[in-house]
Amino acid sequence: MLTQFFGHNRLSFETLPSTNTYALELLAGETPPEGTIVITGHQTRGRGQKGNVWTGEQDKNLTFSLILYPHFLQPRELFLISKMTALAVRTTIAHFLPLQETLIKWPNDILLGRKKISGILIENQLEGSHVRTVVIGIGLNVGQVEFPAELSHKSVSLAMSMAAPPQVETVLQVLLRQLEDRYIALRSGYRDALHREYYEFLYAYGELVPIKTGEETLNMRVVGVDEYGRLAAEYEGSLRYFDIKEAGIQVQP
């Protein structure tokens, strides 16, 4: 094990409806050690952002949830966990494919060559004005090379870009180390460097791109992400803010 405590307590299942759901149900009745992971070879009802479903072939991809207790954060700072996680996943992919473009698509999808290779779902539990728990769900395409027709044009995996793709367990160990290093740094006050790195790899940052808002799609300039995780975009001289449910950036080839 390459980590100090991430992944040391491991709950493994051949199949689960959802690792995030299992982790949240576990937390309702007990307090597992921080860094506990719930991992499965196959999710039957995996959940993504905006109610999307995360699907994958049995034992081909990395699908797990990580339990954290970031009591050092205020509720308004929780998007730092999203930034930390997205960067950890991006760096893990770049570890195996250092010469390929790997970017973060707001709020926290990871793109390899402008196609989705990973999705992240973070669910927070608050107790009054304090952060109680955070569950980070991560799906990362490792060995799958065929996707459903509706996803084939916009999905990719490590195996589709490598002659000899790594084992799922190898990817997990690299990712857990990346996550833990960033979490410890964040707990020690790491902020500014995190923001700079996030913008360095944020897809379309500073660019004019199509953004879908409701029933319309407008060309807007991405100017950043605020502390609450809202997308900030400029349109016709005005700055507009969108939360996760209000807008989506359209990826350009």
C-alpha atoms as a PDB file:
ATOM      1  CA  MET A   1       0.000   0.000   0.000  1.00  0.00           C
ATOM      2  CA  LEU A   2       1.452   3.343  -1.110  1.00  0.00           C
ATOM      3  CA  THR A   3      -0.719   5.475   1.177  1.00  0.00           C
ATOM      4  CA  GLN A   4      -0.745   6.422   4.854  1.00  0.00           C
ATOM      5  CA  PHE A   5      -4.450   5.683   5.378  1.00  0.00           C
ATOM      6  CA  PHE A   6      -6.458   6.009   2.153  1.00  0.00           C
ATOM      7  CA  GLY A   7      -7.707   2.578   1.135  1.00  0.00           C
ATOM      8  CA  HIS A   8      -6.388   0.776   4.212  1.00  0.00           C
ATOM      9  CA  ASN A   9      -9.970  -0.106   5.158  1.00  0.00           C
ATOM     10  CA  ARG A  10     -11.419  -1.617   2.006  1.00  0.00           C
ATOM     11  CA  LEU A  11     -14.922  -2.949   1.435  1.00  0.00           C
ATOM     12  CA  SER A  12     -14.902  -4.941  -1.810  1.00  0.00           C
ATOM     13  CA  PHE A  13     -17.894  -6.316  -3.710  1.00  0.00           C
ATOM     14  CA  GLU A  14     -18.277  -8.192  -6.968  1.00  0.00           C
ATOM     15  CA  THR A  15     -21.433  -6.212  -7.760  1.00  0.00           C
ATOM     16  CA  LEU A  16     -23.208  -3.248  -6.141  1.00  0.00           C
ATOM     17  CA  PRO A  17     -26.054  -1.006  -7.252  1.00  0.00           C
ATOM     18  CA  SER A  18     -23.964   2.066  -6.317  1.00  0.00           C
ATOM     19  CA  THR A  19     -20.798   2.467  -4.244  1.00  0.00           C
ATOM     20  CA  ASN A  20     -21.873   5.971  -3.175  1.00  0.00           C
ATOM     21  CA  THR A  21     -25.262   4.712  -2.011  1.00  0.00           C
ATOM     22  CA  TYR A  22     -23.602   1.903  -0.058  1.00  0.00           C
ATOM     23  CA  ALA A  23     -21.153   4.338   1.570  1.00  0.00           C
ATOM     24  CA  LEU A  24     -23.938   6.732   2.576  1.00  0.00           C
ATOM     25  CA  GLU A  25     -26.011   3.903   4.030  1.00  0.00           C
ATOM     26  CA  LEU A  26     -22.935   2.713   5.940  1.00  0.00           C
ATOM     27  CA  LEU A  27     -22.398   6.194   7.370  1.00  0.00           C
ATOM     28  CA  ALA A  28     -25.992   6.291   8.581  1.00  0.00           C
ATOM     29  CA  GLY A  29     -25.209   3.555  11.082  1.00  0.00           C
ATOM     30  CA  GLU A  30     -21.497   3.733  11.872  1.00  0.00           C
ATOM     31  CA  THR A  31     -18.303   5.730  11.482  1.00  0.00           C
ATOM     32  CA  PRO A  32     -15.771   3.795   9.402  1.00  0.00           C
ATOM     33  CA  PRO A  33     -12.155   5.027   9.441  1.00  0.00           C
ATOM     34  CA  GLU A  34     -11.386   8.042   7.287  1.00  0.00           C
ATOM     35  CA  GLY A  35     -10.015   6.880   3.960  1.00  0.00           C
ATOM     36  CA  THR A  36     -12.320   3.843   3.794  1.00  0.00           C
ATOM     37  CA  ILE A  37     -13.111   2.835   0.228  1.00  0.00           C
ATOM     38  CA  VAL A  38     -16.100   0.934  -1.123  1.00  0.00           C
ATOM     39  CA  ILE A  39     -15.130  -0.730  -4.394  1.00  0.00           C
ATOM     40  CA  THR A  40     -16.935  -2.986  -6.855  1.00  0.00           C
ATOM     41  CA  GLY A  41     -16.218  -4.712 -10.127  1.00  0.00           C
ATOM     42  CA  HIS A  42     -19.604  -3.680 -11.472  1.00  0.00           C
ATOM     43  CA  GLN A  43     -22.271  -1.111 -10.626  1.00  0.00           C
ATOM     44  CA  THR A  44     -25.834  -1.878 -11.704  1.00  0.00           C
ATOM     45  CA  ARG A  45     -27.242   1.564 -10.849  1.00  0.00           C
ATOM     46  CA  GLY A  46     -24.200   3.817 -10.695  1.00  0.00           C
ATOM     47  CA  ARG A  47     -25.066   7.491 -10.296  1.00  0.00           C
ATOM     48  CA  GLY A  48     -23.467  10.513 -11.960  1.00  0.00           C
ATOM     49  CA  GLN A  49     -23.997  14.263 -12.053  1.00  0.00           C
ATOM     50  CA  LYS A  50     -27.434  15.651 -13.021  1.00  0.00           C
ATOM     51  CA  GLY A  51     -29.064  12.245 -12.507  1.00  0.00           C
ATOM     52  CA  ASN A  52     -26.952  10.569 -15.190  1.00  0.00           C
ATOM     53  CA  VAL A  53     -26.161   6.857 -14.952  1.00  0.00           C
ATOM     54  CA  TRP A  54     -22.592   5.547 -14.871  1.00  0.00           C
ATOM     55  CA  THR A  55     -22.307   2.182 -16.630  1.00  0.00           C
ATOM     56  CA  GLY A  56     -19.417  -0.138 -17.417  1.00  0.00           C
ATOM     57  CA  GLU A  57     -18.371  -3.711 -18.122  1.00  0.00           C
ATOM     58  CA  GLN A  58     -17.767  -6.145 -15.273  1.00  0.00           C
ATOM     59  CA  ASP A  59     -14.228  -5.886 -13.817  1.00  0.00           C
ATOM     60  CA  LYS A  60     -12.982  -3.707 -16.688  1.00  0.00           C
ATOM     61  CA  ASN A  61     -13.079  -0.292 -14.991  1.00  0.00           C
ATOM     62  CA  LEU A  62     -12.297   1.353 -11.675  1.00  0.00           C
ATOM     63  CA  THR A  63     -15.448   2.088  -9.673  1.00  0.00           C
ATOM     64  CA  PHE A  64     -15.193   3.092  -6.027  1.00  0.00           C
ATOM     65  CA  SER A  65     -16.201   5.572  -3.343  1.00  0.00           C
ATOM     66  CA  LEU A  66     -13.971   7.198  -0.731  1.00  0.00           C
ATOM     67  CA  ILE A  67     -15.189   8.290   2.723  1.00  0.00           C
ATOM     68  CA  LEU A  68     -13.724  11.468   4.244  1.00  0.00           C
ATOM     69  CA  TYR A  69     -14.344  13.635   7.310  1.00  0.00           C
ATOM     70  CA  PRO A  70     -13.016  17.060   6.269  1.00  0.00           C
ATOM     71  CA  HIS A  71     -14.083  18.888   9.428  1.00  0.00           C
ATOM     72  CA  PHE A  72     -11.397  21.496   8.728  1.00  0.00           C
ATOM     73  CA  LEU A  73     -13.501  22.873   5.864  1.00  0.00           C
ATOM     74  CA  GLN A  74     -16.476  25.207   6.053  1.00  0.00           C
ATOM     75  CA  PRO A  75     -19.528  24.228   3.974  1.00  0.00           C
ATOM     76  CA  ARG A  76     -18.796  27.103   1.557  1.00  0.00           C
ATOM     77  CA  GLU A  77     -15.339  25.593   0.908  1.00  0.00           C
ATOM     78  CA  LEU A  78     -16.517  22.142  -0.158  1.00  0.00           C
ATOM     79  CA  PHE A  79     -15.831  22.703  -3.848  1.00  0.00           C
ATOM     80  CA  LEU A  80     -12.163  22.447  -2.868  1.00  0.00           C
ATOM     81  CA  ILE A  81     -12.797  18.699  -2.503  1.00  0.00           C
ATOM     82  CA  SER A  82     -14.112  18.633  -6.067  1.00  0.00           C
ATOM     83  CA  LYS A  83     -11.039  20.488  -7.345  1.00  0.00           C
ATOM     84  CA  MET A  84      -8.717  18.201  -5.392  1.00  0.00           C
ATOM     85  CA  THR A  85     -10.428  15.072  -6.703  1.00  0.00           C
ATOM     86  CA  ALA A  86     -10.564  16.173 -10.320  1.00  0.00           C
ATOM     87  CA  LEU A  87      -6.869  17.050 -10.263  1.00  0.00           C
ATOM     88  CA  ALA A  88      -5.963  13.738  -8.625  1.00  0.00           C
ATOM     89  CA  VAL A  89      -7.841  11.784 -11.313  1.00  0.00           C
ATOM     90  CA  ARG A  90      -6.368  13.927 -14.093  1.00  0.00           C
ATOM     91  CA  THR A  91      -2.836  13.437 -12.776  1.00  0.00           C
ATOM     92  CA  THR A  92      -3.387   9.678 -12.472  1.00  0.00           C
ATOM     93  CA  ILE A  93      -4.429   9.445 -16.124  1.00  0.00           C
ATOM     94  CA  ALA A  94      -1.472  11.614 -17.139  1.00  0.00           C
ATOM     95  CA  HIS A  95       0.793   9.239 -15.197  1.00  0.00           C
ATOM     96  CA  PHE A  96      -0.098   6.474 -17.653  1.00  0.00           C
ATOM     97  CA  LEU A  97      -0.501   8.705 -20.716  1.00  0.00           C
ATOM     98  CA  PRO A  98       1.906  11.609 -20.199  1.00  0.00           C
ATOM     99  CA  LEU A  99       1.893  12.750 -23.831  1.00  0.00           C
ATOM    100  CA  GLN A 100      -1.870  13.018 -24.256  1.00  0.00           C
ATOM    101  CA  GLU A 101      -4.076  15.996 -23.422  1.00  0.00           C
ATOM    102  CA  THR A 102      -6.005  15.361 -20.208  1.00  0.00           C
ATOM    103  CA  LEU A 103      -8.374  18.089 -19.023  1.00  0.00           C
ATOM    104  CA  ILE A 104     -11.033  18.760 -16.388  1.00  0.00           C
ATOM    105  CA  LYS A 105     -14.491  19.584 -17.760  1.00  0.00           C
ATOM    106  CA  TRP A 106     -16.544  21.596 -15.303  1.00  0.00           C
ATOM    107  CA  PRO A 107     -17.675  20.573 -12.831  1.00  0.00           C
ATOM    108  CA  ASN A 108     -15.625  17.367 -12.588  1.00  0.00           C
ATOM    109  CA  ASP A 109     -15.596  15.135 -15.654  1.00  0.00           C
ATOM    110  CA  ILE A 110     -12.156  14.214 -16.948  1.00  0.00           C
ATOM    111  CA  LEU A 111     -11.463  14.358 -20.672  1.00  0.00           C
ATOM    112  CA  LEU A 112      -8.800  12.428 -22.530  1.00  0.00           C
ATOM    113  CA  GLY A 113      -8.439  13.781 -26.051  1.00  0.00           C
ATOM    114  CA  ARG A 114     -11.768  15.636 -25.649  1.00  0.00           C
ATOM    115  CA  LYS A 115     -13.612  12.399 -24.758  1.00  0.00           C
ATOM    116  CA  LYS A 116     -14.844  11.418 -21.309  1.00  0.00           C
ATOM    117  CA  ILE A 117     -12.673   8.925 -19.466  1.00  0.00           C
ATOM    118  CA  SER A 118     -13.810   9.559 -15.890  1.00  0.00           C
ATOM    119  CA  GLY A 119     -16.732  10.943 -13.923  1.00  0.00           C
ATOM    120  CA  ILE A 120     -16.924  12.071 -10.316  1.00  0.00           C
ATOM    121  CA  LEU A 121     -19.923  12.334  -7.969  1.00  0.00           C
ATOM    122  CA  ILE A 122     -19.333  13.999  -4.594  1.00  0.00           C
ATOM    123  CA  GLU A 123     -22.029  13.890  -1.919  1.00  0.00           C
ATOM    124  CA  ASN A 124     -21.719  15.931   1.262  1.00  0.00           C
ATOM    125  CA  GLN A 125     -23.460  15.594   4.590  1.00  0.00           C
ATOM    126  CA  LEU A 126     -23.697  18.640   6.866  1.00  0.00           C
ATOM    127  CA  GLU A 127     -24.472  18.843  10.570  1.00  0.00           C
ATOM    128  CA  GLY A 128     -25.732  22.338  11.268  1.00  0.00           C
ATOM    129  CA  SER A 129     -23.046  24.674   9.950  1.00  0.00           C
ATOM    130  CA  HIS A 130     -20.338  21.994   9.988  1.00  0.00           C
ATOM    131  CA  VAL A 131     -19.193  19.423   7.465  1.00  0.00           C
ATOM    132  CA  ARG A 132     -19.956  15.926   8.739  1.00  0.00           C
ATOM    133  CA  THR A 133     -18.909  13.601   5.907  1.00  0.00           C
ATOM    134  CA  VAL A 134     -17.944  13.638   2.255  1.00  0.00           C
ATOM    135  CA  VAL A 135     -18.331  10.650  -0.064  1.00  0.00           C
ATOM    136  CA  ILE A 136     -16.340  10.836  -3.296  1.00  0.00           C
ATOM    137  CA  GLY A 137     -17.520   8.487  -6.025  1.00  0.00           C
ATOM    138  CA  ILE A 138     -15.153   7.906  -8.950  1.00  0.00           C
ATOM    139  CA  GLY A 139     -15.637   5.965 -12.160  1.00  0.00           C
ATOM    140  CA  LEU A 140     -12.605   5.658 -14.437  1.00  0.00           C
ATOM    141  CA  ASN A 141     -12.579   3.722 -17.705  1.00  0.00           C
ATOM    142  CA  VAL A 142      -9.559   1.420 -17.674  1.00  0.00           C
ATOM    143  CA  GLY A 143      -9.965  -1.751 -19.747  1.00  0.00           C
ATOM    144  CA  GLN A 144     -13.272  -1.263 -21.538  1.00  0.00           C
ATOM    145  CA  VAL A 145     -12.926  -0.785 -25.303  1.00  0.00           C
ATOM    146  CA  GLU A 146     -16.551  -0.940 -26.438  1.00  0.00           C
ATOM    147  CA  PHE A 147     -19.301   1.396 -25.235  1.00  0.00           C
ATOM    148  CA  PRO A 148     -23.049   1.644 -25.915  1.00  0.00           C
ATOM    149  CA  ALA A 149     -23.836   3.326 -29.233  1.00  0.00           C
ATOM    150  CA  GLU A 150     -25.047   6.516 -27.572  1.00  0.00           C
ATOM    151  CA  LEU A 151     -21.730   6.873 -25.722  1.00  0.00           C
ATOM    152  CA  SER A 152     -19.207   5.497 -28.208  1.00  0.00           C
ATOM    153  CA  HIS A 153     -18.510   8.855 -29.870  1.00  0.00           C
ATOM    154  CA  LYS A 154     -17.745  10.615 -26.586  1.00  0.00           C
ATOM    155  CA  SER A 155     -16.216   7.940 -24.318  1.00  0.00           C
ATOM    156  CA  VAL A 156     -12.673   6.609 -24.083  1.00  0.00           C
ATOM    157  CA  SER A 157     -10.546   4.403 -21.814  1.00  0.00           C
ATOM    158  CA  LEU A 158      -6.899   3.825 -20.984  1.00  0.00           C
ATOM    159  CA  ALA A 159      -7.023   0.577 -22.962  1.00  0.00           C
ATOM    160  CA  MET A 160      -8.077   2.447 -26.098  1.00  0.00           C
ATOM    161  CA  SER A 161      -4.952   4.595 -25.881  1.00  0.00           C
ATOM    162  CA  MET A 162      -2.338   2.077 -24.694  1.00  0.00           C
ATOM    163  CA  ALA A 163      -0.850  -1.076 -26.172  1.00  0.00           C
ATOM    164  CA  ALA A 164      -0.620  -2.621 -22.698  1.00  0.00           C
ATOM    165  CA  PRO A 165      -3.090  -0.953 -20.318  1.00  0.00           C
ATOM    166  CA  PRO A 166      -2.487  -1.223 -16.556  1.00  0.00           C
ATOM    167  CA  GLN A 167      -4.480  -3.442 -14.229  1.00  0.00           C
ATOM    168  CA  VAL A 168      -7.413  -1.797 -12.451  1.00  0.00           C
ATOM    169  CA  GLU A 169      -5.688  -2.358  -9.096  1.00  0.00           C
ATOM    170  CA  THR A 170      -2.558  -0.551 -10.314  1.00  0.00           C
ATOM    171  CA  VAL A 171      -4.625   2.468 -11.351  1.00  0.00           C
ATOM    172  CA  LEU A 172      -6.392   2.431  -7.982  1.00  0.00           C
ATOM    173  CA  GLN A 173      -3.120   2.534  -6.058  1.00  0.00           C
ATOM    174  CA  VAL A 174      -1.778   5.460  -8.081  1.00  0.00           C
ATOM    175  CA  LEU A 175      -5.058   7.354  -7.700  1.00  0.00           C
ATOM    176  CA  LEU A 176      -5.320   6.761  -3.948  1.00  0.00           C
ATOM    177  CA  ARG A 177      -1.809   8.160  -3.510  1.00  0.00           C
ATOM    178  CA  GLN A 178      -2.717  11.236  -5.567  1.00  0.00           C
ATOM    179  CA  LEU A 179      -5.919  11.759  -3.598  1.00  0.00           C
ATOM    180  CA  GLU A 180      -4.247  11.345  -0.225  1.00  0.00           C
ATOM    181  CA  ASP A 181      -1.334  13.666  -1.010  1.00  0.00           C
ATOM    182  CA  ARG A 182      -3.730  16.401  -2.107  1.00  0.00           C
ATOM    183  CA  TYR A 183      -6.070  15.847   0.851  1.00  0.00           C
ATOM    184  CA  ILE A 184      -3.217  16.121   3.346  1.00  0.00           C
ATOM    185  CA  ALA A 185      -1.971  19.262   1.607  1.00  0.00           C
ATOM    186  CA  LEU A 186      -5.477  20.747   1.663  1.00  0.00           C
ATOM    187  CA  ARG A 187      -5.776  19.948   5.368  1.00  0.00           C
ATOM    188  CA  SER A 188      -2.481  21.799   5.894  1.00  0.00           C
ATOM    189  CA  GLY A 189      -3.826  24.954   4.247  1.00  0.00           C
ATOM    190  CA  TYR A 190      -2.984  24.307   0.590  1.00  0.00           C
ATOM    191  CA  ARG A 191      -5.279  26.610  -1.394  1.00  0.00           C
ATOM    192  CA  ASP A 192      -3.647  28.984  -3.909  1.00  0.00           C
ATOM    193  CA  ALA A 193      -1.591  26.339  -5.706  1.00  0.00           C
ATOM    194  CA  LEU A 194      -4.724  24.156  -5.936  1.00  0.00           C
ATOM    195  CA  HIS A 195      -6.647  26.963  -7.640  1.00  0.00           C
ATOM    196  CA  ARG A 196      -3.804  27.657 -10.082  1.00  0.00           C
ATOM    197  CA  GLU A 197      -3.443  24.006 -11.059  1.00  0.00           C
ATOM    198  CA  TYR A 198      -7.201  23.635 -11.488  1.00  0.00           C
ATOM    199  CA  TYR A 199      -7.332  26.513 -13.953  1.00  0.00           C
ATOM    200  CA  GLU A 200      -4.260  25.223 -15.759  1.00  0.00           C
ATOM    201  CA  PHE A 201      -6.199  22.095 -16.712  1.00  0.00           C
ATOM    202  CA  LEU A 202      -9.776  23.422 -16.864  1.00  0.00           C
ATOM    203  CA  TYR A 203     -11.268  22.764 -20.294  1.00  0.00           C
ATOM    204  CA  ALA A 204     -12.143  25.952 -22.241  1.00  0.00           C
ATOM    205  CA  TYR A 205     -10.819  28.306 -19.537  1.00  0.00           C
ATOM    206  CA  GLY A 206     -10.634  31.763 -21.103  1.00  0.00           C
ATOM    207  CA  GLU A 207     -12.207  30.504 -24.335  1.00  0.00           C
ATOM    208  CA  LEU A 208     -15.459  31.177 -26.173  1.00  0.00           C
ATOM    209  CA  VAL A 209     -17.443  27.919 -26.257  1.00  0.00           C
ATOM    210  CA  PRO A 210     -21.075  26.784 -26.590  1.00  0.00           C
ATOM    211  CA  ILE A 211     -22.769  26.524 -23.195  1.00  0.00           C
ATOM    212  CA  LYS A 212     -26.213  24.950 -22.949  1.00  0.00           C
ATOM    213  CA  THR A 213     -28.517  26.706 -20.479  1.00  0.00           C
ATOM    214  CA  GLY A 214     -32.023  25.337 -20.332  1.00  0.00           C
ATOM    215  CA  GLU A 215     -33.405  25.145 -23.862  1.00  0.00           C
ATOM    216  CA  GLU A 216     -30.820  27.422 -25.474  1.00  0.00           C
ATOM    217  CA  THR A 217     -27.134  27.155 -26.295  1.00  0.00           C
ATOM    218  CA  LEU A 218     -25.080  30.352 -26.264  1.00  0.00           C
ATOM    219  CA  ASN A 219     -21.451  31.059 -27.067  1.00  0.00           C
ATOM    220  CA  MET A 220     -19.900  32.341 -23.844  1.00  0.00           C
ATOM    221  CA  ARG A 221     -16.396  32.929 -22.577  1.00  0.00           C
ATOM    222  CA  VAL A 222     -15.454  30.761 -19.588  1.00  0.00           C
ATOM    223  CA  VAL A 223     -13.841  33.027 -17.002  1.00  0.00           C
ATOM    224  CA  GLY A 224     -13.654  30.690 -14.011  1.00  0.00           C
ATOM    225  CA  VAL A 225     -15.428  28.789 -11.265  1.00  0.00           C
ATOM    226  CA  ASP A 226     -16.414  30.559  -8.044  1.00  0.00           C
ATOM    227  CA  GLU A 227     -15.890  29.240  -4.506  1.00  0.00           C
ATOM    228  CA  TYR A 228     -19.321  27.581  -4.527  1.00  0.00           C
ATOM    229  CA  GLY A 229     -18.509  25.621  -7.679  1.00  0.00           C
ATOM    230  CA  ARG A 230     -20.626  27.778 -10.002  1.00  0.00           C
ATOM    231  CA  LEU A 231     -19.410  28.286 -13.553  1.00  0.00           C
ATOM    232  CA  ALA A 232     -18.624  31.936 -14.322  1.00  0.00           C
ATOM    233  CA  ALA A 233     -19.076  32.863 -17.987  1.00  0.00           C
ATOM    234  CA  GLU A 234     -19.149  36.142 -19.865  1.00  0.00           C
ATOM    235  CA  TYR A 235     -21.915  36.833 -22.376  1.00  0.00           C
ATOM    236  CA  GLU A 236     -22.367  40.124 -24.241  1.00  0.00           C
ATOM    237  CA  GLY A 237     -20.313  42.021 -21.683  1.00  0.00           C
ATOM    238  CA  SER A 238     -22.083  40.603 -18.621  1.00  0.00           C
ATOM    239  CA  LEU A 239     -20.854  37.997 -16.174  1.00  0.00           C
ATOM    240  CA  ARG A 240     -23.241  35.127 -15.514  1.00  0.00           C
ATOM    241  CA  TYR A 241     -23.052  32.318 -12.944  1.00  0.00           C
ATOM    242  CA  PHE A 242     -24.471  28.822 -13.345  1.00  0.00           C
ATOM    243  CA  ASP A 243     -24.694  25.934 -10.906  1.00  0.00           C
ATOM    244  CA  ILE A 244     -24.289  22.321 -11.946  1.00  0.00           C
ATOM    245  CA  LYS A 245     -27.971  21.830 -12.770  1.00  0.00           C
ATOM    246  CA  GLU A 246     -28.276  25.015 -14.828  1.00  0.00           C
ATOM    247  CA  ALA A 247     -25.619  24.704 -17.537  1.00  0.00           C
ATOM    248  CA  GLY A 248     -23.333  22.378 -19.433  1.00  0.00           C
ATOM    249  CA  ILE A 249     -20.266  23.137 -21.533  1.00  0.00           C
ATOM    250  CA  GLN A 250     -20.392  21.606 -24.999  1.00  0.00           C
ATOM    251  CA  VAL A 251     -17.050  19.932 -25.811  1.00  0.00           C
ATOM    252  CA  GLN A 252     -15.516  20.975 -29.112  1.00  0.00           C
ATOM    253  CA  PRO A 253     -13.370  18.519 -31.172  1.00  0.00           C
END
